[in-house]
């Protein structure tokens, strides 16, 4: 898994999820829906199990959502996700915006999220 490689390097990074990454959130049926749900479950499990190591070097998880309505909804969920994963969770409206936010997070010397014991 790529985050494990990045963690091992010990250098600050962010993870940017492209806009089509969350297409599994769209109404689906059958096998595509099951695969999307399984993928989300596996990612969440990995992030939770590796939260301390991830939080040591990952400065943020950034999702791109072009729809301002969907983006606003996701922002309301970000506090819960930050607590679960121990890493700031941000939303951007485009790839350039996500890249700019990512650069700012990597350059930031402080942490937006505190890890619970």
N, C-alpha and C. Protein backbone atom coordinates (compact mmCIF):
# COMPACT_ATOMS: atom_id res chain seq x y z
N UNK A 1 0.85 -1.18 0.00
CA UNK A 1 0.00 0.00 0.00
C UNK A 1 0.90 1.24 0.00
N UNK A 2 0.55 2.21 -0.80
CA UNK A 2 1.36 3.42 -0.96
C UNK A 2 1.56 4.17 0.35
N UNK A 3 0.51 4.38 1.20
CA UNK A 3 0.76 5.11 2.45
C UNK A 3 1.82 4.44 3.31
N UNK A 4 1.89 3.12 3.34
CA UNK A 4 2.91 2.43 4.14
C UNK A 4 4.31 2.80 3.64
N UNK A 5 4.47 2.87 2.34
CA UNK A 5 5.75 3.28 1.74
C UNK A 5 6.08 4.71 2.15
N UNK A 6 5.10 5.59 2.08
CA UNK A 6 5.33 6.99 2.42
C UNK A 6 5.64 7.15 3.91
N UNK A 7 4.96 6.40 4.75
CA UNK A 7 5.22 6.46 6.19
C UNK A 7 6.66 6.03 6.46
N UNK A 8 7.09 4.96 5.82
CA UNK A 8 8.44 4.44 6.03
C UNK A 8 9.50 5.46 5.65
N UNK A 9 9.22 6.32 4.68
CA UNK A 9 10.18 7.35 4.28
C UNK A 9 10.35 8.42 5.35
N UNK A 10 9.32 8.62 6.17
CA UNK A 10 9.42 9.58 7.25
C UNK A 10 9.33 11.04 6.84
N UNK A 11 8.90 11.31 5.62
CA UNK A 11 8.77 12.69 5.13
C UNK A 11 7.30 13.08 5.13
N UNK A 12 7.03 14.34 5.43
CA UNK A 12 5.65 14.85 5.45
C UNK A 12 5.01 14.71 4.07
N UNK A 13 3.74 14.33 4.07
CA UNK A 13 2.98 14.20 2.82
C UNK A 13 1.50 14.38 3.08
N UNK A 14 0.74 14.55 2.03
CA UNK A 14 -0.72 14.54 2.08
C UNK A 14 -1.20 13.49 1.08
N UNK A 15 -2.41 13.05 1.26
CA UNK A 15 -3.04 12.15 0.29
C UNK A 15 -4.21 12.90 -0.32
N UNK A 16 -4.22 12.99 -1.65
CA UNK A 16 -5.31 13.65 -2.37
C UNK A 16 -6.13 12.59 -3.07
N UNK A 17 -7.42 12.57 -2.76
CA UNK A 17 -8.35 11.65 -3.39
C UNK A 17 -9.04 12.39 -4.54
N UNK A 18 -8.88 11.93 -5.79
CA UNK A 18 -9.50 12.62 -6.93
C UNK A 18 -11.02 12.59 -6.86
N UNK A 19 -11.64 13.45 -7.63
CA UNK A 19 -13.10 13.59 -7.58
C UNK A 19 -13.83 12.29 -7.90
N UNK A 20 -13.30 11.46 -8.77
CA UNK A 20 -13.98 10.21 -9.11
C UNK A 20 -13.73 9.11 -8.09
N UNK A 21 -12.89 9.37 -7.09
CA UNK A 21 -12.58 8.36 -6.08
C UNK A 21 -13.80 7.98 -5.25
N UNK A 22 -14.69 8.94 -5.02
CA UNK A 22 -15.87 8.69 -4.20
C UNK A 22 -17.11 8.34 -5.01
N UNK A 23 -16.91 7.94 -6.27
CA UNK A 23 -18.07 7.57 -7.08
C UNK A 23 -18.83 6.40 -6.47
N UNK A 24 -18.19 5.66 -5.59
CA UNK A 24 -18.87 4.59 -4.88
C UNK A 24 -19.99 5.11 -4.01
N UNK A 25 -20.02 6.43 -3.76
CA UNK A 25 -21.08 7.03 -2.97
C UNK A 25 -22.36 7.20 -3.78
N UNK A 26 -22.25 7.12 -5.11
CA UNK A 26 -23.42 7.25 -5.96
C UNK A 26 -24.28 6.01 -5.83
N UNK A 27 -25.59 6.15 -6.03
CA UNK A 27 -26.46 4.98 -5.93
C UNK A 27 -26.04 3.90 -6.92
N UNK A 28 -25.78 2.73 -6.41
CA UNK A 28 -25.40 1.60 -7.24
C UNK A 28 -26.08 0.36 -6.69
N UNK A 29 -26.07 -0.66 -7.48
CA UNK A 29 -26.63 -1.93 -7.03
C UNK A 29 -25.66 -3.05 -7.39
N UNK A 30 -25.85 -4.17 -6.77
CA UNK A 30 -25.10 -5.36 -7.13
C UNK A 30 -23.63 -5.28 -6.84
N UNK A 31 -22.85 -5.88 -7.73
CA UNK A 31 -21.41 -6.02 -7.56
C UNK A 31 -20.67 -4.68 -7.46
N UNK A 32 -20.96 -3.67 -8.31
CA UNK A 32 -20.24 -2.39 -8.17
C UNK A 32 -20.42 -1.78 -6.79
N UNK A 33 -21.62 -1.84 -6.26
CA UNK A 33 -21.88 -1.28 -4.93
C UNK A 33 -21.11 -2.07 -3.86
N UNK A 34 -21.10 -3.38 -3.97
CA UNK A 34 -20.41 -4.20 -2.99
C UNK A 34 -18.91 -3.92 -3.01
N UNK A 35 -18.33 -3.80 -4.22
CA UNK A 35 -16.90 -3.50 -4.33
C UNK A 35 -16.56 -2.13 -3.75
N UNK A 36 -17.41 -1.14 -4.02
CA UNK A 36 -17.18 0.21 -3.50
C UNK A 36 -17.25 0.20 -1.97
N UNK A 37 -18.23 -0.49 -1.42
CA UNK A 37 -18.37 -0.56 0.03
C UNK A 37 -17.17 -1.29 0.65
N UNK A 38 -16.74 -2.37 0.04
CA UNK A 38 -15.61 -3.13 0.54
C UNK A 38 -14.33 -2.29 0.48
N UNK A 39 -14.15 -1.54 -0.59
CA UNK A 39 -12.98 -0.68 -0.72
C UNK A 39 -12.96 0.38 0.38
N UNK A 40 -14.09 1.02 0.63
CA UNK A 40 -14.16 2.02 1.70
C UNK A 40 -13.89 1.38 3.06
N UNK A 41 -14.44 0.20 3.28
CA UNK A 41 -14.24 -0.49 4.55
C UNK A 41 -12.76 -0.82 4.77
N UNK A 42 -12.10 -1.32 3.73
CA UNK A 42 -10.68 -1.68 3.85
C UNK A 42 -9.81 -0.45 4.07
N UNK A 43 -10.10 0.65 3.35
CA UNK A 43 -9.33 1.89 3.55
C UNK A 43 -9.51 2.41 4.97
N UNK A 44 -10.75 2.44 5.45
CA UNK A 44 -11.01 2.93 6.80
C UNK A 44 -10.31 2.06 7.84
N UNK A 45 -10.34 0.76 7.64
CA UNK A 45 -9.68 -0.15 8.58
C UNK A 45 -8.17 0.10 8.60
N UNK A 46 -7.55 0.23 7.42
CA UNK A 46 -6.12 0.48 7.36
C UNK A 46 -5.77 1.80 8.04
N UNK A 47 -6.55 2.84 7.75
CA UNK A 47 -6.29 4.15 8.34
C UNK A 47 -6.40 4.11 9.85
N UNK A 48 -7.39 3.40 10.37
CA UNK A 48 -7.55 3.30 11.83
C UNK A 48 -6.42 2.49 12.45
N UNK A 49 -6.06 1.37 11.84
CA UNK A 49 -5.01 0.51 12.40
C UNK A 49 -3.64 1.18 12.35
N UNK A 50 -3.43 2.08 11.43
CA UNK A 50 -2.13 2.72 11.25
C UNK A 50 -2.16 4.20 11.61
N UNK A 51 -3.15 4.61 12.38
CA UNK A 51 -3.38 6.04 12.62
C UNK A 51 -2.19 6.74 13.27
N UNK A 52 -1.53 6.13 14.23
CA UNK A 52 -0.40 6.79 14.89
C UNK A 52 0.77 6.98 13.94
N UNK A 53 1.10 5.93 13.20
CA UNK A 53 2.20 6.03 12.24
C UNK A 53 1.84 7.03 11.14
N UNK A 54 0.60 6.99 10.68
CA UNK A 54 0.15 7.91 9.64
C UNK A 54 0.19 9.35 10.15
N UNK A 55 -0.30 9.58 11.36
CA UNK A 55 -0.36 10.93 11.91
C UNK A 55 1.03 11.53 12.12
N UNK A 56 2.03 10.68 12.26
CA UNK A 56 3.39 11.19 12.47
C UNK A 56 3.93 11.91 11.24
N UNK A 57 3.49 11.53 10.06
CA UNK A 57 4.04 12.14 8.84
C UNK A 57 3.00 12.65 7.85
N UNK A 58 1.78 12.14 7.91
CA UNK A 58 0.73 12.60 6.98
C UNK A 58 0.12 13.88 7.53
N UNK A 59 0.19 14.92 6.74
CA UNK A 59 -0.34 16.23 7.16
C UNK A 59 -1.80 16.41 6.81
N UNK A 60 -2.38 15.50 6.02
CA UNK A 60 -3.80 15.64 5.71
C UNK A 60 -4.28 14.70 4.63
N UNK A 61 -5.58 14.45 4.67
CA UNK A 61 -6.29 13.71 3.64
C UNK A 61 -7.19 14.73 2.95
N UNK A 62 -7.04 14.89 1.66
CA UNK A 62 -7.79 15.91 0.92
C UNK A 62 -8.64 15.22 -0.15
N UNK A 63 -9.93 15.45 -0.10
CA UNK A 63 -10.83 14.90 -1.12
C UNK A 63 -11.27 16.03 -2.04
N UNK A 64 -11.32 15.73 -3.32
CA UNK A 64 -11.80 16.71 -4.29
C UNK A 64 -13.26 16.42 -4.58
N UNK A 65 -14.08 17.44 -4.40
CA UNK A 65 -15.50 17.34 -4.71
C UNK A 65 -15.89 18.64 -5.41
N UNK A 66 -16.24 18.53 -6.68
CA UNK A 66 -16.55 19.71 -7.47
C UNK A 66 -17.88 20.35 -7.09
N UNK A 67 -18.83 19.56 -6.63
CA UNK A 67 -20.13 20.07 -6.24
C UNK A 67 -20.03 20.77 -4.88
N UNK A 68 -20.36 22.06 -4.84
CA UNK A 68 -20.27 22.79 -3.58
C UNK A 68 -21.25 22.23 -2.55
N UNK A 69 -22.38 21.73 -2.97
CA UNK A 69 -23.36 21.14 -2.04
C UNK A 69 -22.80 19.86 -1.42
N UNK A 70 -22.25 18.98 -2.25
CA UNK A 70 -21.66 17.74 -1.73
C UNK A 70 -20.43 18.03 -0.88
N UNK A 71 -19.66 19.03 -1.29
CA UNK A 71 -18.46 19.41 -0.55
C UNK A 71 -18.85 19.90 0.84
N UNK A 72 -19.89 20.71 0.93
CA UNK A 72 -20.35 21.21 2.23
C UNK A 72 -20.81 20.06 3.12
N UNK A 73 -21.49 19.09 2.55
CA UNK A 73 -21.93 17.92 3.32
C UNK A 73 -20.73 17.15 3.84
N UNK A 74 -19.71 16.97 3.01
CA UNK A 74 -18.51 16.23 3.41
C UNK A 74 -17.74 16.97 4.51
N UNK A 75 -17.74 18.30 4.46
CA UNK A 75 -17.05 19.08 5.48
C UNK A 75 -17.67 18.79 6.85
N UNK A 76 -18.99 18.59 6.90
CA UNK A 76 -19.63 18.32 8.18
C UNK A 76 -19.18 16.96 8.75
N UNK A 77 -18.78 16.05 7.89
CA UNK A 77 -18.30 14.74 8.34
C UNK A 77 -16.82 14.73 8.69
N UNK A 78 -16.10 15.77 8.31
CA UNK A 78 -14.65 15.76 8.44
C UNK A 78 -14.18 15.69 9.89
N UNK A 79 -14.87 16.32 10.82
CA UNK A 79 -14.44 16.27 12.23
C UNK A 79 -14.47 14.83 12.74
N UNK A 80 -15.49 14.09 12.37
CA UNK A 80 -15.60 12.69 12.78
C UNK A 80 -14.46 11.87 12.16
N UNK A 81 -14.17 12.11 10.89
CA UNK A 81 -13.10 11.39 10.22
C UNK A 81 -11.73 11.75 10.79
N UNK A 82 -11.53 13.02 11.11
CA UNK A 82 -10.27 13.45 11.71
C UNK A 82 -10.04 12.73 13.04
N UNK A 83 -11.08 12.61 13.83
CA UNK A 83 -10.95 11.93 15.12
C UNK A 83 -10.64 10.44 14.91
N UNK A 84 -11.28 9.83 13.94
CA UNK A 84 -11.07 8.40 13.69
C UNK A 84 -9.68 8.12 13.15
N UNK A 85 -9.18 8.98 12.25
CA UNK A 85 -7.91 8.70 11.57
C UNK A 85 -6.72 9.46 12.15
N UNK A 86 -6.97 10.49 12.97
CA UNK A 86 -5.88 11.24 13.57
C UNK A 86 -5.13 12.14 12.62
N UNK A 87 -5.75 12.45 11.49
CA UNK A 87 -5.13 13.27 10.45
C UNK A 87 -6.18 14.28 9.98
N UNK A 88 -5.78 15.54 9.73
CA UNK A 88 -6.74 16.51 9.20
C UNK A 88 -7.39 16.01 7.90
N UNK A 89 -8.69 16.19 7.80
CA UNK A 89 -9.44 15.80 6.61
C UNK A 89 -10.00 17.08 6.01
N UNK A 90 -9.62 17.36 4.77
CA UNK A 90 -10.01 18.60 4.11
C UNK A 90 -10.72 18.31 2.80
N UNK A 91 -11.45 19.30 2.31
CA UNK A 91 -12.14 19.21 1.03
C UNK A 91 -11.65 20.32 0.12
N UNK A 92 -11.59 20.01 -1.17
CA UNK A 92 -11.20 20.99 -2.19
C UNK A 92 -12.17 20.87 -3.36
N UNK A 93 -12.32 21.95 -4.11
CA UNK A 93 -13.23 21.95 -5.24
C UNK A 93 -12.58 21.54 -6.55
N UNK A 94 -11.25 21.48 -6.58
CA UNK A 94 -10.54 21.13 -7.81
C UNK A 94 -9.15 20.60 -7.47
N UNK A 95 -8.49 20.01 -8.45
CA UNK A 95 -7.13 19.51 -8.23
C UNK A 95 -6.16 20.65 -7.91
N UNK A 96 -6.20 21.78 -8.64
CA UNK A 96 -5.29 22.86 -8.27
C UNK A 96 -5.51 23.36 -6.83
N UNK A 97 -6.77 23.44 -6.42
CA UNK A 97 -7.07 23.85 -5.05
C UNK A 97 -6.54 22.82 -4.06
N UNK A 98 -6.71 21.53 -4.36
CA UNK A 98 -6.21 20.46 -3.49
C UNK A 98 -4.69 20.51 -3.39
N UNK A 99 -4.02 20.73 -4.51
CA UNK A 99 -2.56 20.81 -4.50
C UNK A 99 -2.07 21.99 -3.68
N UNK A 100 -2.73 23.12 -3.82
CA UNK A 100 -2.35 24.31 -3.04
C UNK A 100 -2.57 24.05 -1.55
N UNK A 101 -3.69 23.46 -1.20
CA UNK A 101 -3.97 23.12 0.19
C UNK A 101 -2.95 22.10 0.71
N UNK A 102 -2.61 21.13 -0.11
CA UNK A 102 -1.63 20.12 0.27
C UNK A 102 -0.27 20.72 0.56
N UNK A 103 0.16 21.64 -0.30
CA UNK A 103 1.45 22.30 -0.09
C UNK A 103 1.44 23.10 1.22
N UNK A 104 0.32 23.76 1.50
CA UNK A 104 0.22 24.53 2.74
C UNK A 104 0.25 23.61 3.96
N UNK A 105 -0.43 22.49 3.88
CA UNK A 105 -0.43 21.54 5.01
C UNK A 105 0.96 20.96 5.25
N UNK A 106 1.65 20.58 4.18
CA UNK A 106 2.99 20.01 4.32
C UNK A 106 3.96 21.03 4.90
N UNK A 107 3.80 22.28 4.53
CA UNK A 107 4.69 23.33 5.02
C UNK A 107 4.39 23.74 6.45
N UNK A 108 3.19 23.43 6.93
CA UNK A 108 2.78 23.82 8.26
C UNK A 108 3.54 23.04 9.33
N UNK A 109 4.13 23.74 10.30
CA UNK A 109 4.90 23.06 11.34
C UNK A 109 4.03 22.44 12.44
N UNK A 110 2.74 22.81 12.49
CA UNK A 110 1.90 22.28 13.57
C UNK A 110 0.85 21.32 13.06
N UNK A 111 0.21 20.66 13.96
CA UNK A 111 -0.79 19.63 13.68
C UNK A 111 -2.17 20.18 13.98
N UNK A 112 -3.14 19.98 13.10
CA UNK A 112 -4.51 20.43 13.33
C UNK A 112 -5.30 19.44 14.19
N UNK A 113 -4.83 18.23 14.31
CA UNK A 113 -5.58 17.17 14.99
C UNK A 113 -4.71 16.56 16.06
N UNK A 114 -5.26 16.41 17.24
CA UNK A 114 -4.53 15.74 18.32
C UNK A 114 -5.00 14.29 18.39
N UNK A 115 -4.08 13.39 18.60
CA UNK A 115 -4.43 11.97 18.72
C UNK A 115 -4.89 11.67 20.14
N UNK A 116 -5.99 10.96 20.24
CA UNK A 116 -6.45 10.50 21.54
C UNK A 116 -5.59 9.32 21.97
N UNK A 117 -5.39 9.13 23.26
CA UNK A 117 -4.55 8.01 23.72
C UNK A 117 -5.13 6.67 23.36
